[in-house]
């Protein structure tokens, strides 16, 4: 956890796996399910503690907690509960697989996951992907995407980003120049320069580069990316830039978009709330309030209902 990142979920100090398992077991027994009890347990335990619950539940009742949940619950509430029972890297791996399976690829999901995770998260996702699907994530991404968009995703999958906090002003100036020469200064864009810089430099260094670019060329990097690239490549670059400048602001914006207008993008709500709850969801909540003058909880309440809504709200506290 870096400075300025506050989670909403921490390890439960009074954790007792056996007691929790009994509570869940009781909630699923007899007629009807006690969803409130399930929410109470799962939304207030860390991911590690939920893993312990799964093991304990199986040894106590001879059944997989996931399959019990599948048979008891439905809809988005079920999806969120199952997401919580996965480790974050397993959930990300499943989301990526779902995005690439069948006809058409959901590039937005690939971007939202691969462009926002750190090296260790990416390594864990690759390992989980292999373990769950017995497939290679990089191969699947290669066969499902093309062009420079494919290249930036493959670069990110190498998990080679410098994660230090050091800033080298000289390199920032050189990188800014390379970006200028690769973009604004020529016909067509040399995306490989963009790829190398955006996929390997640490975030503090990138901030310095973007600043140097503005000083040297009087244009901010977002405008350059918008005028030089299009489609999924543009979205991927913009995501990296937004995460570099303000990661929590990026997720706040995604949540806002998921609830704007007619219909709600529940998959995005689930993905962000579940995967960020132990990293920076508290900070994302604050950002949301700042940016949209409305609390994230109120937005979710007006856009979702029932147990699904109650579980999402529980993750926010």
C-alpha atoms as a PDB file:
ATOM      1  CA  UNK A   1       0.000   0.000   0.000  1.00  0.00           C
ATOM      2  CA  UNK A   2       1.514   3.318  -0.984  1.00  0.00           C
ATOM      3  CA  UNK A   3       0.970   6.653   0.617  1.00  0.00           C
ATOM      4  CA  UNK A   4      -2.478   8.105   0.029  1.00  0.00           C
ATOM      5  CA  UNK A   5      -4.116   4.726  -0.436  1.00  0.00           C
ATOM      6  CA  UNK A   6      -6.735   3.685   2.095  1.00  0.00           C
ATOM      7  CA  UNK A   7      -8.585   0.371   1.890  1.00  0.00           C
ATOM      8  CA  UNK A   8     -12.132  -0.179   3.179  1.00  0.00           C
ATOM      9  CA  UNK A   9     -11.463  -3.778   4.200  1.00  0.00           C
ATOM     10  CA  UNK A  10      -8.734  -4.887   6.560  1.00  0.00           C
ATOM     11  CA  UNK A  11      -8.167  -8.171   8.358  1.00  0.00           C
ATOM     12  CA  UNK A  12     -10.932  -8.766  10.871  1.00  0.00           C
ATOM     13  CA  UNK A  13      -9.268  -8.555  14.285  1.00  0.00           C
ATOM     14  CA  UNK A  14     -11.615 -11.018  15.984  1.00  0.00           C
ATOM     15  CA  UNK A  15     -11.513 -13.610  13.211  1.00  0.00           C
ATOM     16  CA  UNK A  16     -12.729 -17.120  13.983  1.00  0.00           C
ATOM     17  CA  UNK A  17     -13.020 -19.297  10.881  1.00  0.00           C
ATOM     18  CA  UNK A  18     -15.084 -21.986  12.582  1.00  0.00           C
ATOM     19  CA  UNK A  19     -17.614 -19.510  13.940  1.00  0.00           C
ATOM     20  CA  UNK A  20     -17.928 -17.867  10.511  1.00  0.00           C
ATOM     21  CA  UNK A  21     -18.432 -21.213   8.790  1.00  0.00           C
ATOM     22  CA  UNK A  22     -21.188 -22.156  11.223  1.00  0.00           C
ATOM     23  CA  UNK A  23     -22.872 -18.826  10.589  1.00  0.00           C
ATOM     24  CA  UNK A  24     -22.753 -19.295   6.803  1.00  0.00           C
ATOM     25  CA  UNK A  25     -23.849 -22.922   7.053  1.00  0.00           C
ATOM     26  CA  UNK A  26     -26.817 -21.895   9.174  1.00  0.00           C
ATOM     27  CA  UNK A  27     -27.657 -19.104   6.731  1.00  0.00           C
ATOM     28  CA  UNK A  28     -28.003 -21.663   3.941  1.00  0.00           C
ATOM     29  CA  UNK A  29     -29.924 -24.325   5.829  1.00  0.00           C
ATOM     30  CA  UNK A  30     -33.650 -24.854   5.626  1.00  0.00           C
ATOM     31  CA  UNK A  31     -36.034 -22.787   3.545  1.00  0.00           C
ATOM     32  CA  UNK A  32     -34.743 -19.529   2.150  1.00  0.00           C
ATOM     33  CA  UNK A  33     -31.282 -18.127   2.607  1.00  0.00           C
ATOM     34  CA  UNK A  34     -30.206 -15.615   5.214  1.00  0.00           C
ATOM     35  CA  UNK A  35     -28.371 -13.250   2.856  1.00  0.00           C
ATOM     36  CA  UNK A  36     -27.789 -10.739   5.619  1.00  0.00           C
ATOM     37  CA  UNK A  37     -25.602 -13.218   7.534  1.00  0.00           C
ATOM     38  CA  UNK A  38     -23.608 -14.021   4.379  1.00  0.00           C
ATOM     39  CA  UNK A  39     -22.990 -10.308   3.739  1.00  0.00           C
ATOM     40  CA  UNK A  40     -22.009  -9.752   7.368  1.00  0.00           C
ATOM     41  CA  UNK A  41     -19.303 -12.391   7.185  1.00  0.00           C
ATOM     42  CA  UNK A  42     -17.899 -12.002   3.661  1.00  0.00           C
ATOM     43  CA  UNK A  43     -17.882  -8.188   3.444  1.00  0.00           C
ATOM     44  CA  UNK A  44     -15.991  -7.884   6.733  1.00  0.00           C
ATOM     45  CA  UNK A  45     -13.160 -10.344   6.166  1.00  0.00           C
ATOM     46  CA  UNK A  46      -9.957  -9.887   4.215  1.00  0.00           C
ATOM     47  CA  UNK A  47      -9.228 -11.974   1.159  1.00  0.00           C
ATOM     48  CA  UNK A  48      -6.781 -14.141   3.124  1.00  0.00           C
ATOM     49  CA  UNK A  49      -9.405 -14.750   5.803  1.00  0.00           C
ATOM     50  CA  UNK A  50     -11.960 -15.760   3.171  1.00  0.00           C
ATOM     51  CA  UNK A  51      -9.467 -18.295   1.819  1.00  0.00           C
ATOM     52  CA  UNK A  52      -9.235 -19.756   5.308  1.00  0.00           C
ATOM     53  CA  UNK A  53     -13.020 -19.893   5.476  1.00  0.00           C
ATOM     54  CA  UNK A  54     -13.163 -21.896   2.259  1.00  0.00           C
ATOM     55  CA  UNK A  55     -10.718 -24.484   3.592  1.00  0.00           C
ATOM     56  CA  UNK A  56     -12.436 -24.653   6.960  1.00  0.00           C
ATOM     57  CA  UNK A  57     -15.906 -24.924   5.440  1.00  0.00           C
ATOM     58  CA  UNK A  58     -14.843 -27.875   3.320  1.00  0.00           C
ATOM     59  CA  UNK A  59     -13.314 -29.712   6.244  1.00  0.00           C
ATOM     60  CA  UNK A  60     -16.349 -29.063   8.445  1.00  0.00           C
ATOM     61  CA  UNK A  61     -19.130 -29.839   5.974  1.00  0.00           C
ATOM     62  CA  UNK A  62     -17.462 -31.780   3.155  1.00  0.00           C
ATOM     63  CA  UNK A  63     -18.683 -29.249   0.605  1.00  0.00           C
ATOM     64  CA  UNK A  64     -17.136 -26.415  -1.375  1.00  0.00           C
ATOM     65  CA  UNK A  65     -18.287 -23.056  -0.094  1.00  0.00           C
ATOM     66  CA  UNK A  66     -18.477 -21.798  -3.684  1.00  0.00           C
ATOM     67  CA  UNK A  67     -20.814 -24.562  -4.815  1.00  0.00           C
ATOM     68  CA  UNK A  68     -23.049 -23.999  -1.785  1.00  0.00           C
ATOM     69  CA  UNK A  69     -23.222 -20.292  -2.672  1.00  0.00           C
ATOM     70  CA  UNK A  70     -23.971 -21.106  -6.316  1.00  0.00           C
ATOM     71  CA  UNK A  71     -26.895 -23.276  -5.323  1.00  0.00           C
ATOM     72  CA  UNK A  72     -28.274 -20.759  -2.809  1.00  0.00           C
ATOM     73  CA  UNK A  73     -27.805 -17.414  -4.527  1.00  0.00           C
ATOM     74  CA  UNK A  74     -28.449 -15.872  -7.916  1.00  0.00           C
ATOM     75  CA  UNK A  75     -27.831 -12.880 -10.137  1.00  0.00           C
ATOM     76  CA  UNK A  76     -25.367 -10.129  -9.351  1.00  0.00           C
ATOM     77  CA  UNK A  77     -25.426 -10.930  -5.658  1.00  0.00           C
ATOM     78  CA  UNK A  78     -24.126 -14.413  -6.437  1.00  0.00           C
ATOM     79  CA  UNK A  79     -21.494 -13.004  -8.828  1.00  0.00           C
ATOM     80  CA  UNK A  80     -20.195 -10.628  -6.155  1.00  0.00           C
ATOM     81  CA  UNK A  81     -20.073 -13.336  -3.478  1.00  0.00           C
ATOM     82  CA  UNK A  82     -18.132 -15.652  -5.811  1.00  0.00           C
ATOM     83  CA  UNK A  83     -15.774 -12.790  -6.681  1.00  0.00           C
ATOM     84  CA  UNK A  84     -15.106 -12.281  -2.971  1.00  0.00           C
ATOM     85  CA  UNK A  85     -14.325 -15.974  -2.522  1.00  0.00           C
ATOM     86  CA  UNK A  86     -11.602 -15.797  -5.174  1.00  0.00           C
ATOM     87  CA  UNK A  87      -8.219 -14.292  -4.456  1.00  0.00           C
ATOM     88  CA  UNK A  88      -8.053 -10.962  -6.344  1.00  0.00           C
ATOM     89  CA  UNK A  89      -5.586 -12.441  -8.858  1.00  0.00           C
ATOM     90  CA  UNK A  90      -7.920 -15.419  -9.493  1.00  0.00           C
ATOM     91  CA  UNK A  91     -10.877 -13.125 -10.003  1.00  0.00           C
ATOM     92  CA  UNK A  92      -8.844 -10.990 -12.446  1.00  0.00           C
ATOM     93  CA  UNK A  93      -7.772 -14.147 -14.291  1.00  0.00           C
ATOM     94  CA  UNK A  94     -11.405 -15.266 -14.675  1.00  0.00           C
ATOM     95  CA  UNK A  95     -12.460 -11.818 -15.867  1.00  0.00           C
ATOM     96  CA  UNK A  96      -9.706 -11.813 -18.493  1.00  0.00           C
ATOM     97  CA  UNK A  97     -10.641 -15.286 -19.701  1.00  0.00           C
ATOM     98  CA  UNK A  98     -14.306 -14.310 -19.930  1.00  0.00           C
ATOM     99  CA  UNK A  99     -13.321 -11.205 -21.904  1.00  0.00           C
ATOM    100  CA  UNK A 100     -11.484 -13.309 -24.499  1.00  0.00           C
ATOM    101  CA  UNK A 101     -13.677 -16.389 -24.728  1.00  0.00           C
ATOM    102  CA  UNK A 102     -16.088 -16.903 -27.575  1.00  0.00           C
ATOM    103  CA  UNK A 103     -16.737 -14.447 -30.371  1.00  0.00           C
ATOM    104  CA  UNK A 104     -15.426 -10.942 -29.970  1.00  0.00           C
ATOM    105  CA  UNK A 105     -13.103  -9.686 -27.280  1.00  0.00           C
ATOM    106  CA  UNK A 106     -14.062  -7.286 -24.522  1.00  0.00           C
ATOM    107  CA  UNK A 107     -11.023  -5.070 -24.860  1.00  0.00           C
ATOM    108  CA  UNK A 108     -12.276  -2.686 -22.178  1.00  0.00           C
ATOM    109  CA  UNK A 109     -11.855  -5.446 -19.569  1.00  0.00           C
ATOM    110  CA  UNK A 110      -8.316  -6.230 -20.749  1.00  0.00           C
ATOM    111  CA  UNK A 111      -7.466  -2.530 -20.490  1.00  0.00           C
ATOM    112  CA  UNK A 112      -9.088  -2.059 -17.104  1.00  0.00           C
ATOM    113  CA  UNK A 113      -7.141  -4.935 -15.604  1.00  0.00           C
ATOM    114  CA  UNK A 114      -3.777  -5.062 -17.374  1.00  0.00           C
ATOM    115  CA  UNK A 115      -3.176  -1.295 -17.509  1.00  0.00           C
ATOM    116  CA  UNK A 116      -3.865  -0.722 -13.810  1.00  0.00           C
ATOM    117  CA  UNK A 117      -2.150  -3.597 -11.969  1.00  0.00           C
ATOM    118  CA  UNK A 118       1.374  -3.529 -10.563  1.00  0.00           C
ATOM    119  CA  UNK A 119       4.117  -6.052 -11.413  1.00  0.00           C
ATOM    120  CA  UNK A 120       3.362  -8.457  -8.592  1.00  0.00           C
ATOM    121  CA  UNK A 121      -0.356  -8.394  -9.343  1.00  0.00           C
ATOM    122  CA  UNK A 122       0.345  -9.162 -12.995  1.00  0.00           C
ATOM    123  CA  UNK A 123       2.652 -12.047 -12.105  1.00  0.00           C
ATOM    124  CA  UNK A 124      -0.023 -13.443  -9.774  1.00  0.00           C
ATOM    125  CA  UNK A 125      -2.707 -13.075 -12.446  1.00  0.00           C
ATOM    126  CA  UNK A 126      -0.555 -14.958 -14.978  1.00  0.00           C
ATOM    127  CA  UNK A 127       0.065 -17.782 -12.496  1.00  0.00           C
ATOM    128  CA  UNK A 128      -3.633 -18.012 -11.560  1.00  0.00           C
ATOM    129  CA  UNK A 129      -4.649 -17.996 -15.211  1.00  0.00           C
ATOM    130  CA  UNK A 130      -2.387 -20.931 -15.920  1.00  0.00           C
ATOM    131  CA  UNK A 131      -3.554 -22.771 -12.830  1.00  0.00           C
ATOM    132  CA  UNK A 132      -7.286 -22.286 -13.382  1.00  0.00           C
ATOM    133  CA  UNK A 133      -7.468 -22.646 -17.174  1.00  0.00           C
ATOM    134  CA  UNK A 134      -4.268 -24.498 -17.990  1.00  0.00           C
ATOM    135  CA  UNK A 135      -3.611 -21.840 -20.621  1.00  0.00           C
ATOM    136  CA  UNK A 136      -1.028 -19.137 -21.112  1.00  0.00           C
ATOM    137  CA  UNK A 137      -2.401 -15.621 -20.635  1.00  0.00           C
ATOM    138  CA  UNK A 138       0.153 -14.057 -22.941  1.00  0.00           C
ATOM    139  CA  UNK A 139      -0.682 -16.497 -25.760  1.00  0.00           C
ATOM    140  CA  UNK A 140      -4.390 -15.818 -25.359  1.00  0.00           C
ATOM    141  CA  UNK A 141      -3.874 -12.047 -25.413  1.00  0.00           C
ATOM    142  CA  UNK A 142      -1.674 -12.409 -28.512  1.00  0.00           C
ATOM    143  CA  UNK A 143      -4.258 -14.377 -30.418  1.00  0.00           C
ATOM    144  CA  UNK A 144      -7.130 -12.103 -29.361  1.00  0.00           C
ATOM    145  CA  UNK A 145      -5.661  -8.665 -30.044  1.00  0.00           C
ATOM    146  CA  UNK A 146      -3.591  -7.088 -32.777  1.00  0.00           C
ATOM    147  CA  UNK A 147      -1.294  -4.257 -33.740  1.00  0.00           C
ATOM    148  CA  UNK A 148       0.162  -1.835 -31.235  1.00  0.00           C
ATOM    149  CA  UNK A 149      -2.689  -2.506 -28.852  1.00  0.00           C
ATOM    150  CA  UNK A 150      -1.483  -6.099 -28.626  1.00  0.00           C
ATOM    151  CA  UNK A 151       2.088  -4.868 -28.151  1.00  0.00           C
ATOM    152  CA  UNK A 152       1.303  -2.592 -25.207  1.00  0.00           C
ATOM    153  CA  UNK A 153      -0.613  -5.386 -23.446  1.00  0.00           C
ATOM    154  CA  UNK A 154       2.239  -7.842 -24.032  1.00  0.00           C
ATOM    155  CA  UNK A 155       4.723  -5.256 -22.712  1.00  0.00           C
ATOM    156  CA  UNK A 156       2.626  -4.837 -19.563  1.00  0.00           C
ATOM    157  CA  UNK A 157       2.362  -8.609 -19.138  1.00  0.00           C
ATOM    158  CA  UNK A 158       6.154  -8.770 -18.819  1.00  0.00           C
ATOM    159  CA  UNK A 159       5.704  -7.046 -15.430  1.00  0.00           C
ATOM    160  CA  UNK A 160       8.924  -5.127 -16.007  1.00  0.00           C
ATOM    161  CA  UNK A 161       7.863  -1.730 -14.777  1.00  0.00           C
ATOM    162  CA  UNK A 162      10.383  -0.002 -12.567  1.00  0.00           C
ATOM    163  CA  UNK A 163       8.554   0.325  -9.252  1.00  0.00           C
ATOM    164  CA  UNK A 164      10.961   2.649  -7.536  1.00  0.00           C
ATOM    165  CA  UNK A 165      10.129   6.222  -6.583  1.00  0.00           C
ATOM    166  CA  UNK A 166      13.274   7.815  -7.995  1.00  0.00           C
ATOM    167  CA  UNK A 167      12.963  10.542 -10.572  1.00  0.00           C
ATOM    168  CA  UNK A 168      15.708  11.205 -13.064  1.00  0.00           C
ATOM    169  CA  UNK A 169      15.019  14.648 -14.513  1.00  0.00           C
ATOM    170  CA  UNK A 170      17.447  14.105 -17.365  1.00  0.00           C
ATOM    171  CA  UNK A 171      15.711  10.899 -18.448  1.00  0.00           C
ATOM    172  CA  UNK A 172      12.350  12.676 -18.102  1.00  0.00           C
ATOM    173  CA  UNK A 173      13.534  15.318 -20.560  1.00  0.00           C
ATOM    174  CA  UNK A 174      14.915  12.685 -22.952  1.00  0.00           C
ATOM    175  CA  UNK A 175      11.732  10.609 -22.756  1.00  0.00           C
ATOM    176  CA  UNK A 176       9.611  13.707 -23.397  1.00  0.00           C
ATOM    177  CA  UNK A 177      11.713  14.392 -26.479  1.00  0.00           C
ATOM    178  CA  UNK A 178      11.364  10.781 -27.645  1.00  0.00           C
ATOM    179  CA  UNK A 179       7.593  10.954 -27.201  1.00  0.00           C
ATOM    180  CA  UNK A 180       7.482  14.229 -29.135  1.00  0.00           C
ATOM    181  CA  UNK A 181       9.570  12.841 -31.972  1.00  0.00           C
ATOM    182  CA  UNK A 182       7.503   9.674 -32.027  1.00  0.00           C
ATOM    183  CA  UNK A 183       4.222  11.566 -32.079  1.00  0.00           C
ATOM    184  CA  UNK A 184       3.566  15.224 -32.824  1.00  0.00           C
ATOM    185  CA  UNK A 185       6.783  15.748 -34.758  1.00  0.00           C
ATOM    186  CA  UNK A 186       6.169  13.187 -37.500  1.00  0.00           C
ATOM    187  CA  UNK A 187       3.633  11.894 -39.958  1.00  0.00           C
ATOM    188  CA  UNK A 188       2.023   8.940 -38.286  1.00  0.00           C
ATOM    189  CA  UNK A 189       3.011   7.895 -34.812  1.00  0.00           C
ATOM    190  CA  UNK A 190       5.869   5.650 -33.754  1.00  0.00           C
ATOM    191  CA  UNK A 191       3.903   3.759 -31.134  1.00  0.00           C
ATOM    192  CA  UNK A 192       6.846   1.583 -30.106  1.00  0.00           C
ATOM    193  CA  UNK A 193       8.455   4.573 -28.343  1.00  0.00           C
ATOM    194  CA  UNK A 194       5.218   5.223 -26.466  1.00  0.00           C
ATOM    195  CA  UNK A 195       4.982   1.539 -25.517  1.00  0.00           C
ATOM    196  CA  UNK A 196       8.479   1.331 -24.100  1.00  0.00           C
ATOM    197  CA  UNK A 197       8.130   4.471 -22.003  1.00  0.00           C
ATOM    198  CA  UNK A 198       4.569   3.877 -20.771  1.00  0.00           C
ATOM    199  CA  UNK A 199       5.118   0.213 -19.910  1.00  0.00           C
ATOM    200  CA  UNK A 200       8.485   0.337 -18.140  1.00  0.00           C
ATOM    201  CA  UNK A 201       9.007   3.646 -16.328  1.00  0.00           C
ATOM    202  CA  UNK A 202       7.957   4.070 -12.723  1.00  0.00           C
ATOM    203  CA  UNK A 203       4.913   6.246 -12.062  1.00  0.00           C
ATOM    204  CA  UNK A 204       6.844   9.140 -10.489  1.00  0.00           C
ATOM    205  CA  UNK A 205       9.205   9.145 -13.452  1.00  0.00           C
ATOM    206  CA  UNK A 206       6.293   9.174 -15.903  1.00  0.00           C
ATOM    207  CA  UNK A 207       4.758  12.148 -14.092  1.00  0.00           C
ATOM    208  CA  UNK A 208       8.041  14.009 -14.498  1.00  0.00           C
ATOM    209  CA  UNK A 209       8.116  13.076 -18.196  1.00  0.00           C
ATOM    210  CA  UNK A 210       4.572  14.338 -18.776  1.00  0.00           C
ATOM    211  CA  UNK A 211       5.459  17.574 -17.013  1.00  0.00           C
ATOM    212  CA  UNK A 212       8.614  17.980 -19.098  1.00  0.00           C
ATOM    213  CA  UNK A 213       6.553  17.352 -22.216  1.00  0.00           C
ATOM    214  CA  UNK A 214       4.142  20.151 -21.358  1.00  0.00           C
ATOM    215  CA  UNK A 215       6.981  22.563 -20.659  1.00  0.00           C
ATOM    216  CA  UNK A 216       8.891  21.667 -23.840  1.00  0.00           C
ATOM    217  CA  UNK A 217       6.003  21.304 -26.252  1.00  0.00           C
ATOM    218  CA  UNK A 218       3.145  23.207 -24.665  1.00  0.00           C
ATOM    219  CA  UNK A 219       0.714  20.325 -24.894  1.00  0.00           C
ATOM    220  CA  UNK A 220      -0.434  17.892 -22.269  1.00  0.00           C
ATOM    221  CA  UNK A 221       0.178  14.229 -22.922  1.00  0.00           C
ATOM    222  CA  UNK A 222      -3.540  13.316 -22.961  1.00  0.00           C
ATOM    223  CA  UNK A 223      -4.164  15.719 -25.855  1.00  0.00           C
ATOM    224  CA  UNK A 224      -1.211  14.263 -27.725  1.00  0.00           C
ATOM    225  CA  UNK A 225      -2.471  10.705 -27.232  1.00  0.00           C
ATOM    226  CA  UNK A 226      -5.976  11.729 -28.336  1.00  0.00           C
ATOM    227  CA  UNK A 227      -4.708  13.342 -31.514  1.00  0.00           C
ATOM    228  CA  UNK A 228      -2.112  10.686 -32.363  1.00  0.00           C
ATOM    229  CA  UNK A 229      -3.906   7.411 -31.606  1.00  0.00           C
ATOM    230  CA  UNK A 230      -7.398   5.949 -31.713  1.00  0.00           C
ATOM    231  CA  UNK A 231      -9.516   3.036 -30.592  1.00  0.00           C
ATOM    232  CA  UNK A 232      -8.286   0.547 -28.011  1.00  0.00           C
ATOM    233  CA  UNK A 233      -4.671   1.682 -28.229  1.00  0.00           C
ATOM    234  CA  UNK A 234      -5.765   5.194 -27.266  1.00  0.00           C
ATOM    235  CA  UNK A 235      -7.852   3.806 -24.392  1.00  0.00           C
ATOM    236  CA  UNK A 236      -4.922   1.738 -23.119  1.00  0.00           C
ATOM    237  CA  UNK A 237      -2.495   4.679 -23.253  1.00  0.00           C
ATOM    238  CA  UNK A 238      -5.023   6.983 -21.586  1.00  0.00           C
ATOM    239  CA  UNK A 239      -5.617   4.446 -18.826  1.00  0.00           C
ATOM    240  CA  UNK A 240      -1.894   4.211 -18.084  1.00  0.00           C
ATOM    241  CA  UNK A 241      -1.597   8.006 -18.067  1.00  0.00           C
ATOM    242  CA  UNK A 242      -4.643   8.429 -15.814  1.00  0.00           C
ATOM    243  CA  UNK A 243      -3.360   5.775 -13.413  1.00  0.00           C
ATOM    244  CA  UNK A 244       0.018   7.478 -13.361  1.00  0.00           C
ATOM    245  CA  UNK A 245      -1.474  10.844 -12.513  1.00  0.00           C
ATOM    246  CA  UNK A 246      -4.333   9.771 -10.250  1.00  0.00           C
ATOM    247  CA  UNK A 247      -5.178   6.101  -9.978  1.00  0.00           C
ATOM    248  CA  UNK A 248      -8.079   6.546  -7.549  1.00  0.00           C
ATOM    249  CA  UNK A 249      -9.536   9.281  -9.757  1.00  0.00           C
ATOM    250  CA  UNK A 250      -9.397   6.833 -12.676  1.00  0.00           C
ATOM    251  CA  UNK A 251     -11.455   4.243 -10.774  1.00  0.00           C
ATOM    252  CA  UNK A 252     -13.894   6.891  -9.499  1.00  0.00           C
ATOM    253  CA  UNK A 253     -14.510   7.918 -13.110  1.00  0.00           C
ATOM    254  CA  UNK A 254     -15.027   4.280 -14.162  1.00  0.00           C
ATOM    255  CA  UNK A 255     -17.583   3.812 -11.376  1.00  0.00           C
ATOM    256  CA  UNK A 256     -19.388   6.990 -12.391  1.00  0.00           C
ATOM    257  CA  UNK A 257     -19.547   5.835 -16.017  1.00  0.00           C
ATOM    258  CA  UNK A 258     -20.814   2.416 -14.956  1.00  0.00           C
ATOM    259  CA  UNK A 259     -23.838   4.063 -13.353  1.00  0.00           C
ATOM    260  CA  UNK A 260     -24.450   6.990 -15.706  1.00  0.00           C
ATOM    261  CA  UNK A 261     -27.475   7.067 -17.974  1.00  0.00           C
ATOM    262  CA  UNK A 262     -29.815   4.184 -18.625  1.00  0.00           C
ATOM    263  CA  UNK A 263     -28.771   0.761 -17.411  1.00  0.00           C
ATOM    264  CA  UNK A 264     -25.957  -0.089 -15.059  1.00  0.00           C
ATOM    265  CA  UNK A 265     -22.699  -1.862 -15.854  1.00  0.00           C
ATOM    266  CA  UNK A 266     -22.815  -4.206 -12.861  1.00  0.00           C
ATOM    267  CA  UNK A 267     -19.727  -6.159 -13.932  1.00  0.00           C
ATOM    268  CA  UNK A 268     -17.591  -3.025 -13.605  1.00  0.00           C
ATOM    269  CA  UNK A 269     -19.083  -2.160 -10.215  1.00  0.00           C
ATOM    270  CA  UNK A 270     -18.297  -5.650  -8.947  1.00  0.00           C
ATOM    271  CA  UNK A 271     -14.799  -5.671 -10.442  1.00  0.00           C
ATOM    272  CA  UNK A 272     -13.736  -2.345  -8.956  1.00  0.00           C
ATOM    273  CA  UNK A 273     -15.311  -2.737  -5.518  1.00  0.00           C
ATOM    274  CA  UNK A 274     -14.043  -6.275  -5.024  1.00  0.00           C
ATOM    275  CA  UNK A 275     -10.499  -5.804  -6.347  1.00  0.00           C
ATOM    276  CA  UNK A 276      -9.860  -2.379  -4.774  1.00  0.00           C
ATOM    277  CA  UNK A 277     -11.482  -2.928  -1.358  1.00  0.00           C
ATOM    278  CA  UNK A 278      -8.199  -3.989   0.244  1.00  0.00           C
ATOM    279  CA  UNK A 279      -6.068  -1.502  -1.681  1.00  0.00           C
ATOM    280  CA  UNK A 280      -7.587   1.966  -2.016  1.00  0.00           C
ATOM    281  CA  UNK A 281     -11.391   1.868  -2.029  1.00  0.00           C
ATOM    282  CA  UNK A 282     -11.616   4.365   0.843  1.00  0.00           C
ATOM    283  CA  UNK A 283      -9.577   6.825  -1.231  1.00  0.00           C
ATOM    284  CA  UNK A 284     -11.675   6.094  -4.342  1.00  0.00           C
ATOM    285  CA  UNK A 285     -14.787   6.947  -2.283  1.00  0.00           C
ATOM    286  CA  UNK A 286     -13.278  10.304  -1.295  1.00  0.00           C
ATOM    287  CA  UNK A 287     -12.316  11.017  -4.914  1.00  0.00           C
ATOM    288  CA  UNK A 288     -15.817  10.163  -6.083  1.00  0.00           C
ATOM    289  CA  UNK A 289     -17.318  12.616  -3.602  1.00  0.00           C
ATOM    290  CA  UNK A 290     -14.867  15.327  -4.696  1.00  0.00           C
ATOM    291  CA  UNK A 291     -15.416  14.784  -8.404  1.00  0.00           C
ATOM    292  CA  UNK A 292     -19.185  14.271  -8.504  1.00  0.00           C
ATOM    293  CA  UNK A 293     -20.423  16.014  -5.334  1.00  0.00           C
ATOM    294  CA  UNK A 294     -22.300  12.863  -4.434  1.00  0.00           C
ATOM    295  CA  UNK A 295     -21.308   9.972  -2.226  1.00  0.00           C
ATOM    296  CA  UNK A 296     -20.436   6.707  -3.951  1.00  0.00           C
ATOM    297  CA  UNK A 297     -22.756   4.899  -1.528  1.00  0.00           C
ATOM    298  CA  UNK A 298     -25.714   7.083  -2.593  1.00  0.00           C
ATOM    299  CA  UNK A 299     -24.896   6.538  -6.249  1.00  0.00           C
ATOM    300  CA  UNK A 300     -24.824   2.767  -5.742  1.00  0.00           C
ATOM    301  CA  UNK A 301     -28.046   2.843  -3.727  1.00  0.00           C
ATOM    302  CA  UNK A 302     -29.869   4.663  -6.481  1.00  0.00           C
ATOM    303  CA  UNK A 303     -28.522   2.334  -9.177  1.00  0.00           C
ATOM    304  CA  UNK A 304     -28.739  -1.134  -7.625  1.00  0.00           C
ATOM    305  CA  UNK A 305     -31.161  -2.891  -5.320  1.00  0.00           C
ATOM    306  CA  UNK A 306     -31.721  -5.780  -2.921  1.00  0.00           C
ATOM    307  CA  UNK A 307     -28.954  -7.968  -1.557  1.00  0.00           C
ATOM    308  CA  UNK A 308     -26.610  -6.976  -4.380  1.00  0.00           C
ATOM    309  CA  UNK A 309     -26.886  -3.344  -3.286  1.00  0.00           C
ATOM    310  CA  UNK A 310     -26.489  -4.267   0.392  1.00  0.00           C
ATOM    311  CA  UNK A 311     -23.327  -6.268  -0.292  1.00  0.00           C
ATOM    312  CA  UNK A 312     -21.727  -3.474  -2.359  1.00  0.00           C
ATOM    313  CA  UNK A 313     -22.537  -0.937   0.369  1.00  0.00           C
ATOM    314  CA  UNK A 314     -21.036  -3.288   2.972  1.00  0.00           C
ATOM    315  CA  UNK A 315     -17.781  -3.380   0.941  1.00  0.00           C
ATOM    316  CA  UNK A 316     -17.644   0.412   1.088  1.00  0.00           C
ATOM    317  CA  UNK A 317     -17.572   0.565   4.890  1.00  0.00           C
END
